């Protein structure tokens, strides 16, 4: 490979990386909408709804509401946080699957561990799988979609 062709490729690669970093910092990824989702539990279901998640200091956060049918007395609300670095956003923009971790806290101050993965369809949307560890023996798995606002 000639030196000039190598330099052209290097410059275009650096420009592409700079553009992705600028996009991540400029705001197109500041908020994301997670669609309402339902999962089955023993003799029932749990529906999870979040507001639009906003990113600050490498974390997306939003309020959540979980409705448990038919066990309405198990319903809960709270706030959740998902850690998502600039590098994670760049990987999503490249079409790569990104694994993440986070946590939630309900209104009774009970902590929930969160793990998941985002699989992009394109730079703005894709599929997301979220695991919420309610207790050492109870794990809820939600499969839904996300879209950057």
N, C-alpha and C. Protein backbone atom coordinates (compact mmCIF):
# COMPACT_ATOMS: atom_id res chain seq x y z
N UNK A 1 0.85 -1.17 0.00
CA UNK A 1 0.00 0.00 0.00
C UNK A 1 0.90 1.23 0.00
N UNK A 2 0.54 2.17 -0.85
CA UNK A 2 1.36 3.37 -0.94
C UNK A 2 1.15 4.25 0.28
N UNK A 3 2.13 5.09 0.53
CA UNK A 3 2.09 5.99 1.69
C UNK A 3 0.90 6.96 1.59
N UNK A 4 0.62 7.48 0.40
CA UNK A 4 -0.48 8.44 0.22
C UNK A 4 -1.84 7.77 0.49
N UNK A 5 -2.03 6.56 -0.02
CA UNK A 5 -3.29 5.86 0.21
C UNK A 5 -3.47 5.55 1.70
N UNK A 6 -2.39 5.15 2.35
CA UNK A 6 -2.44 4.89 3.78
C UNK A 6 -2.83 6.15 4.55
N UNK A 7 -2.21 7.29 4.21
CA UNK A 7 -2.52 8.55 4.88
C UNK A 7 -3.97 8.96 4.65
N UNK A 8 -4.47 8.78 3.42
CA UNK A 8 -5.87 9.12 3.13
C UNK A 8 -6.81 8.27 3.99
N UNK A 9 -6.54 6.98 4.09
CA UNK A 9 -7.37 6.09 4.90
C UNK A 9 -7.30 6.47 6.38
N UNK A 10 -6.10 6.78 6.84
CA UNK A 10 -5.92 7.17 8.23
C UNK A 10 -6.68 8.46 8.53
N UNK A 11 -6.59 9.44 7.64
CA UNK A 11 -7.30 10.70 7.83
C UNK A 11 -8.81 10.47 7.82
N UNK A 12 -9.33 9.66 6.91
CA UNK A 12 -10.78 9.42 6.87
C UNK A 12 -11.24 8.65 8.11
N UNK A 13 -10.41 7.74 8.60
CA UNK A 13 -10.75 6.99 9.82
C UNK A 13 -10.79 7.93 11.03
N UNK A 14 -9.79 8.80 11.16
CA UNK A 14 -9.75 9.76 12.25
C UNK A 14 -10.94 10.73 12.15
N UNK A 15 -11.27 11.16 10.95
CA UNK A 15 -12.41 12.07 10.76
C UNK A 15 -13.71 11.38 11.18
N UNK A 16 -13.88 10.11 10.82
CA UNK A 16 -15.09 9.37 11.20
C UNK A 16 -15.19 9.23 12.72
N UNK A 17 -14.08 8.91 13.36
CA UNK A 17 -14.08 8.80 14.82
C UNK A 17 -14.38 10.14 15.48
N UNK A 18 -13.82 11.21 14.95
CA UNK A 18 -14.07 12.54 15.49
C UNK A 18 -15.54 12.92 15.35
N UNK A 19 -16.13 12.58 14.20
CA UNK A 19 -17.54 12.87 13.98
C UNK A 19 -18.41 12.12 14.98
N UNK A 20 -18.11 10.83 15.20
CA UNK A 20 -18.90 10.05 16.15
C UNK A 20 -18.75 10.61 17.56
N UNK A 21 -17.55 10.99 17.95
CA UNK A 21 -17.34 11.57 19.28
C UNK A 21 -18.07 12.89 19.41
N UNK A 22 -18.04 13.70 18.36
CA UNK A 22 -18.75 14.99 18.40
C UNK A 22 -20.25 14.78 18.50
N UNK A 23 -20.77 13.80 17.77
CA UNK A 23 -22.21 13.50 17.85
C UNK A 23 -22.59 13.07 19.25
N UNK A 24 -21.75 12.23 19.86
CA UNK A 24 -22.05 11.76 21.21
C UNK A 24 -22.06 12.90 22.21
N UNK A 25 -21.19 13.89 22.02
CA UNK A 25 -21.12 15.00 22.95
C UNK A 25 -22.10 16.11 22.60
N UNK A 26 -22.48 16.23 21.33
CA UNK A 26 -23.30 17.35 20.88
C UNK A 26 -24.76 17.20 21.26
N UNK A 27 -25.25 16.01 21.49
CA UNK A 27 -26.61 15.91 21.95
C UNK A 27 -27.54 14.93 21.29
N UNK A 28 -27.24 14.34 20.12
CA UNK A 28 -28.23 13.43 19.54
C UNK A 28 -28.50 12.21 20.42
N UNK A 29 -27.61 11.93 21.35
CA UNK A 29 -27.79 10.78 22.21
C UNK A 29 -28.10 11.18 23.65
N UNK A 30 -28.54 12.42 23.84
CA UNK A 30 -28.83 12.91 25.19
C UNK A 30 -30.08 12.29 25.79
N UNK A 31 -31.01 11.84 24.95
CA UNK A 31 -32.22 11.22 25.49
C UNK A 31 -32.62 10.03 24.63
N UNK A 32 -33.18 9.04 25.30
CA UNK A 32 -33.60 7.82 24.62
C UNK A 32 -34.95 7.38 25.17
N UNK A 33 -35.79 6.91 24.27
CA UNK A 33 -37.13 6.42 24.64
C UNK A 33 -37.10 4.90 24.61
N UNK A 34 -37.45 4.30 25.74
CA UNK A 34 -37.57 2.85 25.83
C UNK A 34 -39.06 2.53 25.79
N UNK A 35 -39.47 1.68 24.88
CA UNK A 35 -40.88 1.36 24.74
C UNK A 35 -41.39 0.55 25.94
N UNK A 36 -42.64 0.77 26.28
CA UNK A 36 -43.32 0.01 27.33
C UNK A 36 -43.19 -1.47 27.01
N UNK A 37 -42.98 -2.29 28.05
CA UNK A 37 -42.71 -3.71 27.81
C UNK A 37 -43.37 -4.56 28.89
N UNK A 38 -43.71 -5.79 28.51
CA UNK A 38 -44.36 -6.72 29.43
C UNK A 38 -43.60 -8.04 29.42
N UNK A 39 -43.50 -8.66 30.59
CA UNK A 39 -42.90 -9.98 30.70
C UNK A 39 -43.79 -10.86 31.56
N UNK A 40 -43.69 -12.15 31.36
CA UNK A 40 -44.50 -13.10 32.12
C UNK A 40 -43.83 -13.49 33.42
N UNK A 41 -44.65 -13.69 34.44
CA UNK A 41 -44.21 -14.27 35.70
C UNK A 41 -45.15 -15.42 36.01
N UNK A 42 -44.88 -16.14 37.06
CA UNK A 42 -45.74 -17.25 37.43
C UNK A 42 -47.16 -16.73 37.66
N UNK A 43 -48.09 -17.20 36.85
CA UNK A 43 -49.51 -16.84 36.92
C UNK A 43 -49.71 -15.32 36.91
N UNK A 44 -49.06 -14.66 35.97
CA UNK A 44 -49.26 -13.22 35.87
C UNK A 44 -48.28 -12.57 34.91
N UNK A 45 -48.18 -11.26 35.01
CA UNK A 45 -47.27 -10.50 34.15
C UNK A 45 -46.82 -9.23 34.85
N UNK A 46 -45.71 -8.69 34.38
CA UNK A 46 -45.20 -7.42 34.87
C UNK A 46 -45.03 -6.50 33.66
N UNK A 47 -45.62 -5.32 33.74
CA UNK A 47 -45.47 -4.31 32.70
C UNK A 47 -44.57 -3.21 33.23
N UNK A 48 -43.50 -2.91 32.49
CA UNK A 48 -42.53 -1.90 32.90
C UNK A 48 -42.65 -0.70 31.96
N UNK A 49 -42.81 0.46 32.55
CA UNK A 49 -42.89 1.71 31.80
C UNK A 49 -41.85 2.68 32.35
N UNK A 50 -41.09 3.29 31.45
CA UNK A 50 -40.14 4.33 31.87
C UNK A 50 -40.47 5.61 31.11
N UNK A 51 -40.08 6.70 31.69
CA UNK A 51 -40.16 7.96 30.95
C UNK A 51 -39.00 8.01 29.98
N UNK A 52 -38.88 9.11 29.27
CA UNK A 52 -37.71 9.30 28.41
C UNK A 52 -36.49 9.36 29.31
N UNK A 53 -35.46 8.59 28.96
CA UNK A 53 -34.24 8.55 29.75
C UNK A 53 -33.31 9.64 29.26
N UNK A 54 -32.78 10.43 30.19
CA UNK A 54 -31.86 11.51 29.87
C UNK A 54 -30.46 11.16 30.34
N UNK A 55 -29.45 11.54 29.54
CA UNK A 55 -28.06 11.19 29.84
C UNK A 55 -27.34 12.36 30.49
N UNK A 56 -26.65 12.06 31.58
CA UNK A 56 -25.83 13.03 32.26
C UNK A 56 -24.68 12.29 32.94
N UNK A 57 -23.46 12.76 32.73
CA UNK A 57 -22.27 12.18 33.35
C UNK A 57 -22.15 10.68 33.08
N UNK A 58 -22.44 10.26 31.85
CA UNK A 58 -22.26 8.86 31.46
C UNK A 58 -23.35 7.91 31.93
N UNK A 59 -24.47 8.46 32.41
CA UNK A 59 -25.58 7.61 32.85
C UNK A 59 -26.90 8.12 32.28
N UNK A 60 -27.73 7.17 31.85
CA UNK A 60 -29.10 7.48 31.50
C UNK A 60 -29.94 7.22 32.73
N UNK A 61 -30.93 8.08 32.99
CA UNK A 61 -31.80 7.86 34.14
C UNK A 61 -33.22 8.26 33.79
N UNK A 62 -34.16 7.65 34.50
CA UNK A 62 -35.59 7.95 34.31
C UNK A 62 -36.37 7.35 35.46
N UNK A 63 -37.57 7.86 35.65
CA UNK A 63 -38.50 7.23 36.58
C UNK A 63 -39.08 6.00 35.92
N UNK A 64 -39.48 5.03 36.73
CA UNK A 64 -40.10 3.82 36.19
C UNK A 64 -41.33 3.47 37.01
N UNK A 65 -42.21 2.69 36.38
CA UNK A 65 -43.40 2.16 37.04
C UNK A 65 -43.52 0.70 36.61
N UNK A 66 -43.67 -0.19 37.57
CA UNK A 66 -43.86 -1.61 37.30
C UNK A 66 -45.24 -2.02 37.82
N UNK A 67 -46.07 -2.52 36.91
CA UNK A 67 -47.42 -2.98 37.30
C UNK A 67 -47.43 -4.50 37.22
N UNK A 68 -47.80 -5.11 38.34
CA UNK A 68 -47.79 -6.56 38.44
C UNK A 68 -49.24 -7.05 38.43
N UNK A 69 -49.58 -7.85 37.42
CA UNK A 69 -50.93 -8.39 37.31
C UNK A 69 -50.90 -9.88 37.59
N UNK A 70 -51.75 -10.41 38.39
CA UNK A 70 -52.86 -9.80 39.12
C UNK A 70 -52.47 -9.33 40.53
N UNK A 71 -51.18 -9.34 40.83
CA UNK A 71 -50.71 -9.01 42.19
C UNK A 71 -50.46 -7.51 42.33
N UNK A 72 -51.52 -6.72 42.21
CA UNK A 72 -51.41 -5.26 42.21
C UNK A 72 -50.68 -4.72 43.44
N UNK A 73 -50.74 -5.44 44.55
CA UNK A 73 -50.06 -4.99 45.78
C UNK A 73 -48.54 -5.06 45.63
N UNK A 74 -48.04 -5.69 44.56
CA UNK A 74 -46.61 -5.75 44.28
C UNK A 74 -46.15 -4.64 43.32
N UNK A 75 -47.09 -3.81 42.85
CA UNK A 75 -46.71 -2.69 41.96
C UNK A 75 -45.65 -1.84 42.65
N UNK A 76 -44.78 -1.24 41.83
CA UNK A 76 -43.79 -0.34 42.41
C UNK A 76 -43.39 0.73 41.42
N UNK A 77 -42.86 1.80 41.96
CA UNK A 77 -42.32 2.91 41.18
C UNK A 77 -40.97 3.28 41.77
N UNK A 78 -40.19 3.97 40.99
CA UNK A 78 -38.88 4.40 41.47
C UNK A 78 -38.10 5.08 40.37
N UNK A 79 -36.79 5.00 40.48
CA UNK A 79 -35.89 5.62 39.51
C UNK A 79 -34.83 4.61 39.13
N UNK A 80 -34.42 4.62 37.85
CA UNK A 80 -33.37 3.71 37.40
C UNK A 80 -32.27 4.48 36.68
N UNK A 81 -31.08 3.93 36.75
CA UNK A 81 -29.88 4.51 36.13
C UNK A 81 -29.16 3.42 35.36
N UNK A 82 -28.73 3.74 34.14
CA UNK A 82 -27.97 2.81 33.32
C UNK A 82 -26.68 3.51 32.90
N UNK A 83 -25.54 2.88 33.16
CA UNK A 83 -24.24 3.44 32.80
C UNK A 83 -24.00 3.19 31.30
N UNK A 84 -23.68 4.28 30.58
CA UNK A 84 -23.47 4.19 29.14
C UNK A 84 -22.42 5.23 28.76
N UNK A 85 -21.20 4.78 28.50
CA UNK A 85 -20.08 5.68 28.23
C UNK A 85 -20.12 6.22 26.80
N UNK A 86 -19.28 7.22 26.53
CA UNK A 86 -19.15 7.74 25.17
C UNK A 86 -18.68 6.63 24.22
N UNK A 87 -17.79 5.78 24.70
CA UNK A 87 -17.31 4.66 23.87
C UNK A 87 -18.46 3.70 23.54
N UNK A 88 -19.36 3.46 24.51
CA UNK A 88 -20.53 2.62 24.25
C UNK A 88 -21.40 3.23 23.15
N UNK A 89 -21.60 4.55 23.20
CA UNK A 89 -22.39 5.23 22.18
C UNK A 89 -21.72 5.13 20.81
N UNK A 90 -20.41 5.27 20.77
CA UNK A 90 -19.67 5.13 19.51
C UNK A 90 -19.83 3.72 18.95
N UNK A 91 -19.77 2.71 19.83
CA UNK A 91 -19.95 1.33 19.37
C UNK A 91 -21.35 1.10 18.83
N UNK A 92 -22.37 1.68 19.47
CA UNK A 92 -23.73 1.58 18.93
C UNK A 92 -23.80 2.22 17.55
N UNK A 93 -23.20 3.39 17.39
CA UNK A 93 -23.21 4.09 16.10
C UNK A 93 -22.52 3.25 15.02
N UNK A 94 -21.56 2.42 15.40
CA UNK A 94 -20.87 1.54 14.46
C UNK A 94 -21.67 0.27 14.17
N UNK A 95 -22.79 0.09 14.87
CA UNK A 95 -23.62 -1.10 14.66
C UNK A 95 -23.26 -2.27 15.55
N UNK A 96 -22.49 -2.03 16.60
CA UNK A 96 -22.04 -3.09 17.50
C UNK A 96 -22.97 -3.22 18.71
N UNK A 97 -23.15 -4.43 19.18
CA UNK A 97 -23.92 -4.69 20.40
C UNK A 97 -23.15 -4.14 21.60
N UNK A 98 -23.89 -3.51 22.52
CA UNK A 98 -23.28 -2.93 23.71
C UNK A 98 -23.94 -3.54 24.94
N UNK A 99 -23.12 -4.01 25.87
CA UNK A 99 -23.60 -4.53 27.15
C UNK A 99 -23.49 -3.43 28.19
N UNK A 100 -24.46 -3.37 29.08
CA UNK A 100 -24.46 -2.31 30.08
C UNK A 100 -24.89 -2.84 31.43
N UNK A 101 -24.65 -2.03 32.45
CA UNK A 101 -25.08 -2.33 33.82
C UNK A 101 -25.72 -1.08 34.40
N UNK A 102 -26.46 -1.27 35.45
CA UNK A 102 -27.09 -0.14 36.11
C UNK A 102 -27.72 -0.56 37.41
N UNK A 103 -28.56 0.31 37.93
CA UNK A 103 -29.26 0.00 39.17
C UNK A 103 -30.55 0.80 39.23
N UNK A 104 -31.43 0.36 40.08
CA UNK A 104 -32.69 1.07 40.30
C UNK A 104 -32.97 1.10 41.79
N UNK A 105 -33.81 2.03 42.17
CA UNK A 105 -34.23 2.13 43.56
C UNK A 105 -35.71 2.48 43.56
N UNK A 106 -36.51 1.66 44.26
CA UNK A 106 -37.93 1.97 44.31
C UNK A 106 -38.21 3.01 45.39
N UNK A 107 -39.46 3.41 45.51
CA UNK A 107 -39.82 4.47 46.46
C UNK A 107 -39.62 4.05 47.90
N UNK A 108 -39.50 2.73 48.16
CA UNK A 108 -39.21 2.24 49.51
C UNK A 108 -37.71 2.09 49.75
N UNK A 109 -36.90 2.61 48.81
CA UNK A 109 -35.43 2.58 48.89
C UNK A 109 -34.83 1.18 48.74
N UNK A 110 -35.58 0.26 48.12
CA UNK A 110 -35.05 -1.07 47.84
C UNK A 110 -34.26 -1.02 46.53
N UNK A 111 -33.06 -1.55 46.55
CA UNK A 111 -32.17 -1.51 45.39
C UNK A 111 -32.44 -2.68 44.46
N UNK A 112 -32.28 -2.43 43.18
CA UNK A 112 -32.40 -3.45 42.13
C UNK A 112 -31.17 -3.34 41.23
N UNK A 113 -30.55 -4.46 40.94
CA UNK A 113 -29.42 -4.49 40.01
C UNK A 113 -29.98 -4.66 38.60
N UNK A 114 -29.35 -4.00 37.62
CA UNK A 114 -29.80 -4.06 36.23
C UNK A 114 -28.61 -4.44 35.35
N UNK A 115 -28.87 -5.33 34.39
CA UNK A 115 -27.90 -5.67 33.35
C UNK A 115 -28.65 -5.78 32.04
N UNK A 116 -27.95 -5.58 30.95
CA UNK A 116 -28.64 -5.71 29.67
C UNK A 116 -27.72 -5.53 28.50
N UNK A 117 -28.37 -5.49 27.32
CA UNK A 117 -27.62 -5.26 26.10
C UNK A 117 -28.50 -4.50 25.11
N UNK A 118 -27.86 -3.67 24.31
CA UNK A 118 -28.52 -2.92 23.25
C UNK A 118 -27.96 -3.40 21.92
N UNK A 119 -28.86 -3.74 20.99
CA UNK A 119 -28.46 -4.21 19.67
C UNK A 119 -29.03 -3.22 18.65
N UNK A 120 -28.17 -2.43 18.01
CA UNK A 120 -28.68 -1.39 17.12
C UNK A 120 -29.21 -1.93 15.79
N UNK A 121 -30.31 -1.34 15.32
CA UNK A 121 -30.78 -1.57 13.95
C UNK A 121 -30.09 -0.57 13.02
N UNK A 122 -29.93 0.65 13.54
CA UNK A 122 -29.20 1.72 12.86
C UNK A 122 -28.68 2.67 13.94
N UNK A 123 -28.20 3.84 13.57
CA UNK A 123 -27.58 4.74 14.56
C UNK A 123 -28.58 5.32 15.54
N UNK A 124 -29.88 5.26 15.25
CA UNK A 124 -30.88 5.92 16.10
C UNK A 124 -31.78 4.97 16.89
N UNK A 125 -31.83 3.70 16.54
CA UNK A 125 -32.77 2.80 17.20
C UNK A 125 -32.30 1.36 17.15
N UNK A 126 -32.95 0.53 17.97
CA UNK A 126 -32.59 -0.87 17.99
C UNK A 126 -33.39 -1.63 19.03
N UNK A 127 -32.89 -2.82 19.38
CA UNK A 127 -33.53 -3.68 20.37
C UNK A 127 -32.74 -3.61 21.66
N UNK A 128 -33.45 -3.80 22.76
CA UNK A 128 -32.80 -3.78 24.07
C UNK A 128 -33.35 -4.91 24.92
N UNK A 129 -32.46 -5.56 25.64
CA UNK A 129 -32.83 -6.61 26.60
C UNK A 129 -32.36 -6.14 27.96
N UNK A 130 -33.27 -6.10 28.91
CA UNK A 130 -32.96 -5.61 30.25
C UNK A 130 -33.30 -6.70 31.26
N UNK A 131 -32.35 -6.99 32.13
CA UNK A 131 -32.56 -7.93 33.24
C UNK A 131 -32.60 -7.12 34.52
N UNK A 132 -33.68 -7.29 35.27
CA UNK A 132 -33.83 -6.62 36.55
C UNK A 132 -33.79 -7.70 37.63
N UNK A 133 -32.83 -7.59 38.53
CA UNK A 133 -32.68 -8.56 39.61
C UNK A 133 -33.44 -8.02 40.82
N UNK A 134 -34.65 -8.55 41.00
CA UNK A 134 -35.54 -8.09 42.06
C UNK A 134 -35.08 -8.61 43.42
N UNK A 135 -34.58 -9.83 43.43
CA UNK A 135 -34.06 -10.46 44.64
C UNK A 135 -33.01 -11.47 44.20
N UNK A 136 -32.32 -12.12 45.15
CA UNK A 136 -31.33 -13.12 44.73
C UNK A 136 -31.94 -14.26 43.90
N UNK A 137 -33.24 -14.52 44.05
CA UNK A 137 -33.87 -15.63 43.33
C UNK A 137 -34.83 -15.17 42.23
N UNK A 138 -35.11 -13.89 42.13
CA UNK A 138 -36.07 -13.41 41.14
C UNK A 138 -35.39 -12.45 40.18
N UNK A 139 -35.46 -12.81 38.89
CA UNK A 139 -34.89 -12.00 37.82
C UNK A 139 -35.98 -11.82 36.76
N UNK A 140 -36.26 -10.58 36.41
CA UNK A 140 -37.23 -10.29 35.36
C UNK A 140 -36.47 -9.91 34.10
N UNK A 141 -36.89 -10.45 32.96
CA UNK A 141 -36.23 -10.18 31.69
C UNK A 141 -37.23 -9.47 30.77
N UNK A 142 -36.84 -8.29 30.29
CA UNK A 142 -37.68 -7.49 29.42
C UNK A 142 -36.98 -7.31 28.07
N UNK A 143 -37.69 -7.59 26.99
CA UNK A 143 -37.19 -7.39 25.62
C UNK A 143 -38.06 -6.35 24.96
N UNK A 144 -37.46 -5.26 24.50
CA UNK A 144 -38.22 -4.19 23.87
C UNK A 144 -37.32 -3.44 22.90
N UNK A 145 -37.71 -2.24 22.54
CA UNK A 145 -36.94 -1.43 21.60
C UNK A 145 -36.58 -0.09 22.22
N UNK A 146 -35.56 0.55 21.64
CA UNK A 146 -35.17 1.90 22.07
C UNK A 146 -35.07 2.79 20.83
N UNK A 147 -35.19 4.08 21.06
CA UNK A 147 -35.06 5.07 20.00
C UNK A 147 -34.49 6.36 20.59
N UNK A 148 -33.39 6.83 20.03
CA UNK A 148 -32.83 8.10 20.48
C UNK A 148 -33.74 9.22 20.01
N UNK A 149 -34.04 10.14 20.91
CA UNK A 149 -34.97 11.24 20.61
C UNK A 149 -34.21 12.40 20.00
